[in-house]
Amino acid sequence: MRYRDAGVDVTRSDALKHALLVTVQQTWSDRVRPLPRGFAGVMEWPGGKQQLVAATMDGVGTKLQLALIAGRVADAAADLVYHGANDLLVHGAKPLALLDYIAQAQLDPGVVAAVIEGLARGCLEVGAVLLGGETAEMPDTYLPGVVDVAGCLLGSVAQETLLDGSGVRVGDVVLGIAGSGLHTNGYSLARRVLAASRLAVTSELPGGAGENLSDALLAPHRWYGRSLLPLVEQGLVHVLAHVTGGGIPGNLVRVLPEGCRAEIDSAMWPRPALFRWLIAAGGVPEDDARSALNLGIGMLAVCATATADEVKAALERAGETVYQIGAILPGERGVDWR
């Protein structure tokens, strides 16, 4: 199976976003800091240039479908906050406030309450307030029993702390910080593989040492702020990349400056059982697996070779599992695998 067979065409999506950029940029003033491949938008606060506001928007996606079946909607809703907080973190920003959007064909009070509980839990975890939002009932737009959850997370970052990729240098090291599963990407493909396998979500994950598929597929989206923000503030990290849709290559390339090319060695970290099963059960080609799934790495940190051991040790003390998975080489901006 390929990702596009499950209804998701990453190449088409990227082309659409690129085409829309001109229209988006027409709304920008000179307070906007252009980050055309950024994970969040960044601009100055009105009245001052030293403190910047960052904003990012996302949805939970089809992970919600599995969460509904498993009765874990609150957990999936919390993942929206962790995802957005990581996107802010990529640019050194701290979360401030979340605005949410919840929609169903007919509002189910229990489901909506679970969503809000999850969003609030996530906000408490990352230090943001749930400032407000929209709850919509649209029977002609959504299928019965389906819930859609999205949100805009606002954050702030000091001018001197902003990470924009300009600090990356040839010779830098790429560290991969372990994820906790699919996070919030690749679920259209994962759900298709699950259906074809004829296994129930309560079945044991093949090769998973007793873990069931429900727990593996609905593992929380990890937030890396507690472990990474101190290193960002100390200037020990040149750039970060949150591994979401597009996988390692599609996200790392977004933060590389011209003249820098990353080389990733897939043998440098173990591929978790969930990814091994999805790829084998779905016959997923390796190129699709690399562009649709995070393959066990949730965040990338690029730092100088001289400080790589220090950064790795600090992250491990903070409870992270870290692998040195690549390097920055001279060349056209892009990502190679070996």
C-alpha atoms as a PDB file:
ATOM      1  CA  MET A   1       0.000   0.000   0.000  1.00  0.00           C
ATOM      2  CA  ARG A   2       1.057   3.550  -0.712  1.00  0.00           C
ATOM      3  CA  TYR A   3      -0.091   6.605   1.209  1.00  0.00           C
ATOM      4  CA  ARG A   4      -1.896   7.978  -1.834  1.00  0.00           C
ATOM      5  CA  ASP A   5      -3.887   4.720  -2.070  1.00  0.00           C
ATOM      6  CA  ALA A   6      -5.276   5.602   1.367  1.00  0.00           C
ATOM      7  CA  GLY A   7      -6.432   8.959  -0.009  1.00  0.00           C
ATOM      8  CA  VAL A   8      -3.482  11.137   1.042  1.00  0.00           C
ATOM      9  CA  ASP A   9      -1.192  12.577  -1.649  1.00  0.00           C
ATOM     10  CA  VAL A  10       1.645  14.447   0.086  1.00  0.00           C
ATOM     11  CA  THR A  11       3.085  15.775  -3.182  1.00  0.00           C
ATOM     12  CA  ARG A  12      -0.253  17.231  -4.276  1.00  0.00           C
ATOM     13  CA  SER A  13      -0.801  18.716  -0.814  1.00  0.00           C
ATOM     14  CA  ASP A  14       2.634  20.381  -0.835  1.00  0.00           C
ATOM     15  CA  ALA A  15       1.994  21.832  -4.301  1.00  0.00           C
ATOM     16  CA  LEU A  16      -1.347  23.237  -3.143  1.00  0.00           C
ATOM     17  CA  LYS A  17       0.229  24.881  -0.086  1.00  0.00           C
ATOM     18  CA  HIS A  18       2.953  26.409  -2.247  1.00  0.00           C
ATOM     19  CA  ALA A  19       0.377  27.793  -4.676  1.00  0.00           C
ATOM     20  CA  LEU A  20      -1.559  29.381  -1.813  1.00  0.00           C
ATOM     21  CA  LEU A  21       1.510  31.100  -0.351  1.00  0.00           C
ATOM     22  CA  VAL A  22       1.299  34.132  -2.653  1.00  0.00           C
ATOM     23  CA  THR A  23      -2.268  34.819  -1.524  1.00  0.00           C
ATOM     24  CA  VAL A  24      -1.302  34.380   2.142  1.00  0.00           C
ATOM     25  CA  GLN A  25       1.673  36.739   1.813  1.00  0.00           C
ATOM     26  CA  GLN A  26      -0.595  39.514   0.515  1.00  0.00           C
ATOM     27  CA  THR A  27      -1.887  39.864   4.075  1.00  0.00           C
ATOM     28  CA  TRP A  28       1.589  40.272   5.618  1.00  0.00           C
ATOM     29  CA  SER A  29       2.947  43.533   6.992  1.00  0.00           C
ATOM     30  CA  ASP A  30       6.566  44.359   7.752  1.00  0.00           C
ATOM     31  CA  ARG A  31       6.012  42.901  11.254  1.00  0.00           C
ATOM     32  CA  VAL A  32       5.943  39.356   9.816  1.00  0.00           C
ATOM     33  CA  ARG A  33       9.183  37.352   9.919  1.00  0.00           C
ATOM     34  CA  PRO A  34       9.027  35.262   6.712  1.00  0.00           C
ATOM     35  CA  LEU A  35       9.500  31.545   7.383  1.00  0.00           C
ATOM     36  CA  PRO A  36       8.087  30.120   4.144  1.00  0.00           C
ATOM     37  CA  ARG A  37       8.800  26.517   5.164  1.00  0.00           C
ATOM     38  CA  GLY A  38       8.207  27.143   8.862  1.00  0.00           C
ATOM     39  CA  PHE A  39       6.231  25.043  11.288  1.00  0.00           C
ATOM     40  CA  ALA A  40       4.592  28.181  12.755  1.00  0.00           C
ATOM     41  CA  GLY A  41       4.052  31.739  11.616  1.00  0.00           C
ATOM     42  CA  VAL A  42       6.071  34.372  13.490  1.00  0.00           C
ATOM     43  CA  MET A  43       5.576  38.137  13.767  1.00  0.00           C
ATOM     44  CA  GLU A  44       6.396  41.024  16.103  1.00  0.00           C
ATOM     45  CA  TRP A  45       4.069  41.957  18.905  1.00  0.00           C
ATOM     46  CA  PRO A  46       2.481  45.352  18.156  1.00  0.00           C
ATOM     47  CA  GLY A  47       4.609  48.073  19.686  1.00  0.00           C
ATOM     48  CA  GLY A  48       7.827  46.121  20.037  1.00  0.00           C
ATOM     49  CA  LYS A  49      10.368  44.184  18.011  1.00  0.00           C
ATOM     50  CA  GLN A  50      12.108  42.222  20.771  1.00  0.00           C
ATOM     51  CA  GLN A  51       9.229  39.845  21.544  1.00  0.00           C
ATOM     52  CA  LEU A  52       7.651  37.894  18.700  1.00  0.00           C
ATOM     53  CA  VAL A  53       4.299  36.145  18.485  1.00  0.00           C
ATOM     54  CA  ALA A  54       4.125  32.680  16.935  1.00  0.00           C
ATOM     55  CA  ALA A  55       1.012  30.844  15.787  1.00  0.00           C
ATOM     56  CA  THR A  56       0.299  27.406  14.400  1.00  0.00           C
ATOM     57  CA  MET A  57      -2.894  25.649  13.286  1.00  0.00           C
ATOM     58  CA  ASP A  58      -3.609  21.943  13.006  1.00  0.00           C
ATOM     59  CA  GLY A  59      -6.192  19.218  13.454  1.00  0.00           C
ATOM     60  CA  VAL A  60      -6.219  15.833  15.160  1.00  0.00           C
ATOM     61  CA  GLY A  61      -6.958  14.107  11.849  1.00  0.00           C
ATOM     62  CA  THR A  62      -8.182  10.548  11.418  1.00  0.00           C
ATOM     63  CA  LYS A  63      -6.582   9.427  14.672  1.00  0.00           C
ATOM     64  CA  LEU A  64      -9.946  10.550  16.049  1.00  0.00           C
ATOM     65  CA  GLN A  65     -11.669   7.700  14.214  1.00  0.00           C
ATOM     66  CA  LEU A  66      -9.661   5.113  16.117  1.00  0.00           C
ATOM     67  CA  ALA A  67     -10.032   7.096  19.333  1.00  0.00           C
ATOM     68  CA  LEU A  68     -13.823   7.067  18.993  1.00  0.00           C
ATOM     69  CA  ILE A  69     -13.831   3.285  18.586  1.00  0.00           C
ATOM     70  CA  ALA A  70     -11.540   2.831  21.575  1.00  0.00           C
ATOM     71  CA  GLY A  71     -13.328   5.386  23.765  1.00  0.00           C
ATOM     72  CA  ARG A  72     -10.212   7.566  24.018  1.00  0.00           C
ATOM     73  CA  VAL A  73     -11.337  10.826  22.430  1.00  0.00           C
ATOM     74  CA  ALA A  74      -9.865  12.918  25.264  1.00  0.00           C
ATOM     75  CA  ASP A  75      -6.410  11.441  24.664  1.00  0.00           C
ATOM     76  CA  ALA A  76      -6.549  12.226  20.947  1.00  0.00           C
ATOM     77  CA  ALA A  77      -7.732  15.778  21.667  1.00  0.00           C
ATOM     78  CA  ALA A  78      -4.781  16.337  24.016  1.00  0.00           C
ATOM     79  CA  ASP A  79      -2.510  15.289  21.143  1.00  0.00           C
ATOM     80  CA  LEU A  80      -3.664  18.367  19.212  1.00  0.00           C
ATOM     81  CA  VAL A  81      -2.109  20.549  21.905  1.00  0.00           C
ATOM     82  CA  TYR A  82       1.140  18.565  22.020  1.00  0.00           C
ATOM     83  CA  HIS A  83       1.426  18.696  18.222  1.00  0.00           C
ATOM     84  CA  GLY A  84       0.921  22.456  18.133  1.00  0.00           C
ATOM     85  CA  ALA A  85       3.275  23.041  21.052  1.00  0.00           C
ATOM     86  CA  ASN A  86       5.995  21.101  19.233  1.00  0.00           C
ATOM     87  CA  ASP A  87       5.472  23.189  16.109  1.00  0.00           C
ATOM     88  CA  LEU A  88       5.983  26.338  18.203  1.00  0.00           C
ATOM     89  CA  LEU A  89       8.981  24.756  19.914  1.00  0.00           C
ATOM     90  CA  VAL A  90      10.688  24.314  16.531  1.00  0.00           C
ATOM     91  CA  HIS A  91      11.116  28.096  16.424  1.00  0.00           C
ATOM     92  CA  GLY A  92      11.965  28.438  20.119  1.00  0.00           C
ATOM     93  CA  ALA A  93       8.478  29.652  21.069  1.00  0.00           C
ATOM     94  CA  LYS A  94       6.586  28.882  24.283  1.00  0.00           C
ATOM     95  CA  PRO A  95       2.821  28.206  24.162  1.00  0.00           C
ATOM     96  CA  LEU A  96       0.463  30.919  25.429  1.00  0.00           C
ATOM     97  CA  ALA A  97      -3.113  30.162  24.388  1.00  0.00           C
ATOM     98  CA  LEU A  98      -5.244  27.732  22.396  1.00  0.00           C
ATOM     99  CA  LEU A  99      -8.348  28.484  20.330  1.00  0.00           C
ATOM    100  CA  ASP A 100     -10.205  25.296  19.424  1.00  0.00           C
ATOM    101  CA  TYR A 101     -12.758  24.154  16.851  1.00  0.00           C
ATOM    102  CA  ILE A 102     -15.062  21.181  17.473  1.00  0.00           C
ATOM    103  CA  ALA A 103     -17.676  20.095  14.923  1.00  0.00           C
ATOM    104  CA  GLN A 104     -20.141  17.238  14.456  1.00  0.00           C
ATOM    105  CA  ALA A 105     -23.241  16.570  12.402  1.00  0.00           C
ATOM    106  CA  GLN A 106     -25.132  16.495  15.704  1.00  0.00           C
ATOM    107  CA  LEU A 107     -23.293  17.459  18.856  1.00  0.00           C
ATOM    108  CA  ASP A 108     -22.798  14.564  21.257  1.00  0.00           C
ATOM    109  CA  PRO A 109     -22.431  16.077  24.752  1.00  0.00           C
ATOM    110  CA  GLY A 110     -20.272  13.193  25.952  1.00  0.00           C
ATOM    111  CA  VAL A 111     -17.893  13.430  22.997  1.00  0.00           C
ATOM    112  CA  VAL A 112     -17.637  17.230  23.189  1.00  0.00           C
ATOM    113  CA  ALA A 113     -16.978  17.059  26.924  1.00  0.00           C
ATOM    114  CA  ALA A 114     -14.244  14.475  26.348  1.00  0.00           C
ATOM    115  CA  VAL A 115     -12.627  16.692  23.700  1.00  0.00           C
ATOM    116  CA  ILE A 116     -12.586  19.690  26.029  1.00  0.00           C
ATOM    117  CA  GLU A 117     -11.189  17.559  28.864  1.00  0.00           C
ATOM    118  CA  GLY A 118      -8.351  16.422  26.600  1.00  0.00           C
ATOM    119  CA  LEU A 119      -7.621  19.926  25.319  1.00  0.00           C
ATOM    120  CA  ALA A 120      -7.542  21.280  28.868  1.00  0.00           C
ATOM    121  CA  ARG A 121      -5.224  18.483  29.977  1.00  0.00           C
ATOM    122  CA  GLY A 122      -2.865  19.243  27.102  1.00  0.00           C
ATOM    123  CA  CYS A 123      -2.917  22.981  27.830  1.00  0.00           C
ATOM    124  CA  LEU A 124      -2.023  22.369  31.473  1.00  0.00           C
ATOM    125  CA  GLU A 125       0.853  20.154  30.358  1.00  0.00           C
ATOM    126  CA  VAL A 126       2.407  22.706  27.987  1.00  0.00           C
ATOM    127  CA  GLY A 127       1.600  25.827  30.020  1.00  0.00           C
ATOM    128  CA  ALA A 128      -1.063  27.330  27.741  1.00  0.00           C
ATOM    129  CA  VAL A 129      -4.567  28.623  28.469  1.00  0.00           C
ATOM    130  CA  LEU A 130      -7.635  27.350  26.632  1.00  0.00           C
ATOM    131  CA  LEU A 131      -8.765  30.847  25.705  1.00  0.00           C
ATOM    132  CA  GLY A 132     -11.859  30.067  23.647  1.00  0.00           C
ATOM    133  CA  GLY A 133     -13.077  28.451  20.482  1.00  0.00           C
ATOM    134  CA  GLU A 134     -15.984  27.314  18.337  1.00  0.00           C
ATOM    135  CA  THR A 135     -18.372  24.382  18.685  1.00  0.00           C
ATOM    136  CA  ALA A 136     -20.364  23.770  15.503  1.00  0.00           C
ATOM    137  CA  GLU A 137     -23.238  21.476  14.585  1.00  0.00           C
ATOM    138  CA  MET A 138     -23.374  20.941  10.806  1.00  0.00           C
ATOM    139  CA  PRO A 139     -25.475  17.966   9.681  1.00  0.00           C
ATOM    140  CA  ASP A 140     -24.932  18.657   5.984  1.00  0.00           C
ATOM    141  CA  THR A 141     -21.139  18.802   6.304  1.00  0.00           C
ATOM    142  CA  TYR A 142     -20.129  15.975   8.659  1.00  0.00           C
ATOM    143  CA  LEU A 143     -21.049  12.290   8.720  1.00  0.00           C
ATOM    144  CA  PRO A 144     -23.087  11.085  11.705  1.00  0.00           C
ATOM    145  CA  GLY A 145     -20.900   9.914  14.580  1.00  0.00           C
ATOM    146  CA  VAL A 146     -17.798  11.728  13.325  1.00  0.00           C
ATOM    147  CA  VAL A 147     -16.098  14.511  15.275  1.00  0.00           C
ATOM    148  CA  ASP A 148     -13.617  17.033  13.876  1.00  0.00           C
ATOM    149  CA  VAL A 149     -11.204  18.791  16.233  1.00  0.00           C
ATOM    150  CA  ALA A 150      -8.752  21.520  15.264  1.00  0.00           C
ATOM    151  CA  GLY A 151      -7.011  24.356  17.014  1.00  0.00           C
ATOM    152  CA  CYS A 152      -4.770  27.391  16.742  1.00  0.00           C
ATOM    153  CA  LEU A 153      -2.006  27.569  19.333  1.00  0.00           C
ATOM    154  CA  LEU A 154      -0.406  30.953  20.001  1.00  0.00           C
ATOM    155  CA  GLY A 155       3.026  31.361  21.508  1.00  0.00           C
ATOM    156  CA  SER A 156       5.817  33.863  22.003  1.00  0.00           C
ATOM    157  CA  VAL A 157       9.548  33.876  21.429  1.00  0.00           C
ATOM    158  CA  ALA A 158      12.232  36.461  22.145  1.00  0.00           C
ATOM    159  CA  GLN A 159      13.950  37.893  19.093  1.00  0.00           C
ATOM    160  CA  GLU A 160      17.335  36.525  20.201  1.00  0.00           C
ATOM    161  CA  THR A 161      15.945  33.014  20.759  1.00  0.00           C
ATOM    162  CA  LEU A 162      14.133  32.619  17.427  1.00  0.00           C
ATOM    163  CA  LEU A 163      15.225  29.517  15.508  1.00  0.00           C
ATOM    164  CA  ASP A 164      14.870  29.986  11.756  1.00  0.00           C
ATOM    165  CA  GLY A 165      17.488  27.632  10.298  1.00  0.00           C
ATOM    166  CA  SER A 166      20.073  30.346   9.669  1.00  0.00           C
ATOM    167  CA  GLY A 167      22.339  28.893  12.365  1.00  0.00           C
ATOM    168  CA  VAL A 168      22.777  25.542  10.625  1.00  0.00           C
ATOM    169  CA  ARG A 169      26.318  24.889   9.381  1.00  0.00           C
ATOM    170  CA  VAL A 170      27.995  22.222   7.279  1.00  0.00           C
ATOM    171  CA  GLY A 171      29.447  19.669   9.676  1.00  0.00           C
ATOM    172  CA  ASP A 172      26.591  19.910  12.171  1.00  0.00           C
ATOM    173  CA  VAL A 173      25.154  16.743  13.694  1.00  0.00           C
ATOM    174  CA  VAL A 174      21.519  15.600  13.416  1.00  0.00           C
ATOM    175  CA  LEU A 175      20.114  14.090  16.600  1.00  0.00           C
ATOM    176  CA  GLY A 176      16.880  12.101  16.482  1.00  0.00           C
ATOM    177  CA  ILE A 177      14.690  12.143  19.592  1.00  0.00           C
ATOM    178  CA  ALA A 178      12.443   9.105  19.920  1.00  0.00           C
ATOM    179  CA  GLY A 179       8.700   9.429  19.481  1.00  0.00           C
ATOM    180  CA  SER A 180       5.953   7.392  21.108  1.00  0.00           C
ATOM    181  CA  GLY A 181       4.235   5.955  18.043  1.00  0.00           C
ATOM    182  CA  LEU A 182       2.523   7.527  15.045  1.00  0.00           C
ATOM    183  CA  HIS A 183       1.942  10.758  16.986  1.00  0.00           C
ATOM    184  CA  THR A 184      -0.774  12.424  14.848  1.00  0.00           C
ATOM    185  CA  ASN A 185       0.283  11.563  11.296  1.00  0.00           C
ATOM    186  CA  GLY A 186      -0.095   8.628   8.925  1.00  0.00           C
ATOM    187  CA  TYR A 187      -3.425   7.424  10.293  1.00  0.00           C
ATOM    188  CA  SER A 188      -5.190   7.248   6.934  1.00  0.00           C
ATOM    189  CA  LEU A 189      -2.557   4.718   5.894  1.00  0.00           C
ATOM    190  CA  ALA A 190      -2.485   2.962   9.284  1.00  0.00           C
ATOM    191  CA  ARG A 191      -6.273   2.563   9.377  1.00  0.00           C
ATOM    192  CA  ARG A 192      -6.251   1.134   5.862  1.00  0.00           C
ATOM    193  CA  VAL A 193      -3.541  -1.379   6.805  1.00  0.00           C
ATOM    194  CA  LEU A 194      -5.459  -2.304   9.954  1.00  0.00           C
ATOM    195  CA  ALA A 195      -8.643  -2.929   7.972  1.00  0.00           C
ATOM    196  CA  ALA A 196      -6.817  -5.062   5.409  1.00  0.00           C
ATOM    197  CA  SER A 197      -5.133  -7.099   8.160  1.00  0.00           C
ATOM    198  CA  ARG A 198      -8.537  -8.080   9.593  1.00  0.00           C
ATOM    199  CA  LEU A 199      -7.144  -7.596  13.085  1.00  0.00           C
ATOM    200  CA  ALA A 200      -9.217  -5.816  15.723  1.00  0.00           C
ATOM    201  CA  VAL A 201      -7.819  -2.811  17.548  1.00  0.00           C
ATOM    202  CA  THR A 202      -7.859  -4.998  20.668  1.00  0.00           C
ATOM    203  CA  SER A 203      -5.590  -7.585  19.003  1.00  0.00           C
ATOM    204  CA  GLU A 204      -1.996  -7.983  20.117  1.00  0.00           C
ATOM    205  CA  LEU A 205       0.493  -6.005  18.046  1.00  0.00           C
ATOM    206  CA  PRO A 206       2.545  -8.541  16.068  1.00  0.00           C
ATOM    207  CA  GLY A 207       6.100  -8.383  17.371  1.00  0.00           C
ATOM    208  CA  GLY A 208       5.030  -5.915  20.061  1.00  0.00           C
ATOM    209  CA  ALA A 209       5.949  -7.919  23.167  1.00  0.00           C
ATOM    210  CA  GLY A 210       2.370  -8.141  24.405  1.00  0.00           C
ATOM    211  CA  GLU A 211       1.233  -4.592  23.525  1.00  0.00           C
ATOM    212  CA  ASN A 212      -2.161  -4.385  21.838  1.00  0.00           C
ATOM    213  CA  LEU A 213      -2.846  -2.469  18.646  1.00  0.00           C
ATOM    214  CA  SER A 214      -5.119   0.040  20.355  1.00  0.00           C
ATOM    215  CA  ASP A 215      -2.431   1.165  22.780  1.00  0.00           C
ATOM    216  CA  ALA A 216       0.217   1.242  20.059  1.00  0.00           C
ATOM    217  CA  LEU A 217      -1.889   3.198  17.566  1.00  0.00           C
ATOM    218  CA  LEU A 218      -3.238   5.651  20.144  1.00  0.00           C
ATOM    219  CA  ALA A 219       0.017   6.294  22.015  1.00  0.00           C
ATOM    220  CA  PRO A 220       0.182  10.011  22.964  1.00  0.00           C
ATOM    221  CA  HIS A 221       1.917  12.552  20.762  1.00  0.00           C
ATOM    222  CA  ARG A 222       4.982  13.464  22.809  1.00  0.00           C
ATOM    223  CA  TRP A 223       5.716  17.073  23.780  1.00  0.00           C
ATOM    224  CA  TYR A 224       9.430  17.912  23.871  1.00  0.00           C
ATOM    225  CA  GLY A 225       9.326  21.378  25.409  1.00  0.00           C
ATOM    226  CA  ARG A 226      10.562  20.513  28.897  1.00  0.00           C
ATOM    227  CA  SER A 227      13.686  18.816  27.584  1.00  0.00           C
ATOM    228  CA  LEU A 228      14.477  21.074  24.603  1.00  0.00           C
ATOM    229  CA  LEU A 229      13.595  24.626  25.648  1.00  0.00           C
ATOM    230  CA  PRO A 230      16.504  24.928  28.120  1.00  0.00           C
ATOM    231  CA  LEU A 231      18.924  23.873  25.374  1.00  0.00           C
ATOM    232  CA  VAL A 232      17.386  26.328  22.915  1.00  0.00           C
ATOM    233  CA  GLU A 233      17.700  29.157  25.435  1.00  0.00           C
ATOM    234  CA  GLN A 234      21.365  28.247  26.016  1.00  0.00           C
ATOM    235  CA  GLY A 235      22.036  28.449  22.270  1.00  0.00           C
ATOM    236  CA  LEU A 236      23.081  24.786  22.072  1.00  0.00           C
ATOM    237  CA  VAL A 237      20.592  23.887  19.321  1.00  0.00           C
ATOM    238  CA  HIS A 238      20.951  25.348  15.815  1.00  0.00           C
ATOM    239  CA  VAL A 239      17.542  24.231  14.588  1.00  0.00           C
ATOM    240  CA  LEU A 240      14.716  21.792  15.330  1.00  0.00           C
ATOM    241  CA  ALA A 241      12.353  19.889  13.061  1.00  0.00           C
ATOM    242  CA  HIS A 242       9.092  18.341  14.256  1.00  0.00           C
ATOM    243  CA  VAL A 243       8.571  15.053  12.391  1.00  0.00           C
ATOM    244  CA  THR A 244       4.955  15.225  11.227  1.00  0.00           C
ATOM    245  CA  GLY A 245       3.360  14.688   7.786  1.00  0.00           C
ATOM    246  CA  GLY A 246       6.169  14.197   5.283  1.00  0.00           C
ATOM    247  CA  GLY A 247       8.295  12.173   7.693  1.00  0.00           C
ATOM    248  CA  ILE A 248      11.934  12.920   8.432  1.00  0.00           C
ATOM    249  CA  PRO A 249      12.885  14.118   4.925  1.00  0.00           C
ATOM    250  CA  GLY A 250       9.816  16.290   4.410  1.00  0.00           C
ATOM    251  CA  ASN A 251      10.265  18.128   7.685  1.00  0.00           C
ATOM    252  CA  LEU A 252      14.037  18.368   8.043  1.00  0.00           C
ATOM    253  CA  VAL A 253      14.352  19.999   4.624  1.00  0.00           C
ATOM    254  CA  ARG A 254      12.030  22.787   5.808  1.00  0.00           C
ATOM    255  CA  VAL A 255      14.630  24.127   8.243  1.00  0.00           C
ATOM    256  CA  LEU A 256      17.791  23.742   6.160  1.00  0.00           C
ATOM    257  CA  PRO A 257      19.406  26.861   4.659  1.00  0.00           C
ATOM    258  CA  GLU A 258      20.637  26.952   1.083  1.00  0.00           C
ATOM    259  CA  GLY A 259      23.946  25.143   0.621  1.00  0.00           C
ATOM    260  CA  CYS A 260      23.195  22.562   3.320  1.00  0.00           C
ATOM    261  CA  ARG A 261      22.114  19.003   2.681  1.00  0.00           C
ATOM    262  CA  ALA A 262      21.307  16.450   5.379  1.00  0.00           C
ATOM    263  CA  GLU A 263      22.320  12.804   5.258  1.00  0.00           C
ATOM    264  CA  ILE A 264      20.309  10.415   7.458  1.00  0.00           C
ATOM    265  CA  ASP A 265      21.456   6.902   8.359  1.00  0.00           C
ATOM    266  CA  SER A 266      18.397   4.735   9.047  1.00  0.00           C
ATOM    267  CA  ALA A 267      20.580   2.084  10.686  1.00  0.00           C
ATOM    268  CA  MET A 268      21.328   4.405  13.607  1.00  0.00           C
ATOM    269  CA  TRP A 269      18.067   3.809  15.472  1.00  0.00           C
ATOM    270  CA  PRO A 270      15.786   0.789  15.983  1.00  0.00           C
ATOM    271  CA  ARG A 271      12.504   0.798  14.091  1.00  0.00           C
ATOM    272  CA  PRO A 272       9.667   0.229  16.621  1.00  0.00           C
ATOM    273  CA  ALA A 273       7.381  -2.801  16.288  1.00  0.00           C
ATOM    274  CA  LEU A 274       4.356  -0.730  15.208  1.00  0.00           C
ATOM    275  CA  PHE A 275       6.162   0.613  12.157  1.00  0.00           C
ATOM    276  CA  ARG A 276       7.628  -2.783  11.289  1.00  0.00           C
ATOM    277  CA  TRP A 277       4.138  -4.282  11.384  1.00  0.00           C
ATOM    278  CA  LEU A 278       2.471  -1.499   9.377  1.00  0.00           C
ATOM    279  CA  ILE A 279       5.101  -1.702   6.642  1.00  0.00           C
ATOM    280  CA  ALA A 280       5.038  -5.514   6.457  1.00  0.00           C
ATOM    281  CA  ALA A 281       1.262  -5.955   6.763  1.00  0.00           C
ATOM    282  CA  GLY A 282       0.542  -3.223   4.230  1.00  0.00           C
ATOM    283  CA  GLY A 283       3.396  -3.983   1.850  1.00  0.00           C
ATOM    284  CA  VAL A 284       4.280  -0.298   2.219  1.00  0.00           C
ATOM    285  CA  PRO A 285       7.246   0.669  -0.009  1.00  0.00           C
ATOM    286  CA  GLU A 286      10.193   2.118   1.891  1.00  0.00           C
ATOM    287  CA  ASP A 287       9.930   5.506   0.182  1.00  0.00           C
ATOM    288  CA  ASP A 288       6.293   5.790   1.235  1.00  0.00           C
ATOM    289  CA  ALA A 289       7.117   4.689   4.772  1.00  0.00           C
ATOM    290  CA  ARG A 290       9.773   7.383   5.023  1.00  0.00           C
ATOM    291  CA  SER A 291       7.476  10.133   3.774  1.00  0.00           C
ATOM    292  CA  ALA A 292       4.272   9.077   5.568  1.00  0.00           C
ATOM    293  CA  LEU A 293       5.550   7.883   8.961  1.00  0.00           C
ATOM    294  CA  ASN A 294       7.984   9.181  11.558  1.00  0.00           C
ATOM    295  CA  LEU A 295       9.535   5.676  11.910  1.00  0.00           C
ATOM    296  CA  GLY A 296      10.167   6.192  15.608  1.00  0.00           C
ATOM    297  CA  ILE A 297      11.701   9.687  15.573  1.00  0.00           C
ATOM    298  CA  GLY A 298       9.419  12.479  16.786  1.00  0.00           C
ATOM    299  CA  MET A 299      11.786  15.456  16.792  1.00  0.00           C
ATOM    300  CA  LEU A 300      15.120  16.318  15.171  1.00  0.00           C
ATOM    301  CA  ALA A 301      17.734  18.587  16.707  1.00  0.00           C
ATOM    302  CA  VAL A 302      20.668  19.940  14.714  1.00  0.00           C
ATOM    303  CA  CYS A 303      23.679  21.084  16.732  1.00  0.00           C
ATOM    304  CA  ALA A 304      27.419  21.609  16.386  1.00  0.00           C
ATOM    305  CA  THR A 305      29.631  18.527  16.452  1.00  0.00           C
ATOM    306  CA  ALA A 306      31.529  19.997  19.414  1.00  0.00           C
ATOM    307  CA  THR A 307      28.391  20.174  21.559  1.00  0.00           C
ATOM    308  CA  ALA A 308      26.542  17.091  20.278  1.00  0.00           C
ATOM    309  CA  ASP A 309      27.547  14.892  23.228  1.00  0.00           C
ATOM    310  CA  GLU A 310      26.542  17.627  25.691  1.00  0.00           C
ATOM    311  CA  VAL A 311      23.148  18.087  24.023  1.00  0.00           C
ATOM    312  CA  LYS A 312      22.535  14.344  23.846  1.00  0.00           C
ATOM    313  CA  ALA A 313      23.457  13.865  27.510  1.00  0.00           C
ATOM    314  CA  ALA A 314      21.201  16.729  28.621  1.00  0.00           C
ATOM    315  CA  LEU A 315      18.266  15.304  26.685  1.00  0.00           C
ATOM    316  CA  GLU A 316      18.828  11.855  28.150  1.00  0.00           C
ATOM    317  CA  ARG A 317      18.932  13.310  31.665  1.00  0.00           C
ATOM    318  CA  ALA A 318      15.554  14.892  30.876  1.00  0.00           C
ATOM    319  CA  GLY A 319      14.182  11.442  30.036  1.00  0.00           C
ATOM    320  CA  GLU A 320      14.527  11.427  26.247  1.00  0.00           C
ATOM    321  CA  THR A 321      15.872   8.608  24.108  1.00  0.00           C
ATOM    322  CA  VAL A 322      18.309  10.135  21.617  1.00  0.00           C
ATOM    323  CA  TYR A 323      20.209   8.820  18.598  1.00  0.00           C
ATOM    324  CA  GLN A 324      22.840  10.500  16.442  1.00  0.00           C
ATOM    325  CA  ILE A 325      21.259   9.783  13.078  1.00  0.00           C
ATOM    326  CA  GLY A 326      22.879  12.085  10.558  1.00  0.00           C
ATOM    327  CA  ALA A 327      24.999  15.036   9.540  1.00  0.00           C
ATOM    328  CA  ILE A 328      24.791  18.264   7.555  1.00  0.00           C
ATOM    329  CA  LEU A 329      26.841  18.178   4.350  1.00  0.00           C
ATOM    330  CA  PRO A 330      27.492  20.760   1.638  1.00  0.00           C
ATOM    331  CA  GLY A 331      25.151  20.630  -1.328  1.00  0.00           C
ATOM    332  CA  GLU A 332      21.741  21.515  -2.638  1.00  0.00           C
ATOM    333  CA  ARG A 333      19.135  21.842   0.116  1.00  0.00           C
ATOM    334  CA  GLY A 334      17.604  18.403   0.646  1.00  0.00           C
ATOM    335  CA  VAL A 335      17.741  15.126   2.585  1.00  0.00           C
ATOM    336  CA  ASP A 336      19.478  11.881   1.558  1.00  0.00           C
ATOM    337  CA  TRP A 337      19.203   8.450   3.161  1.00  0.00           C
ATOM    338  CA  ARG A 338      21.824   5.767   3.520  1.00  0.00           C
END
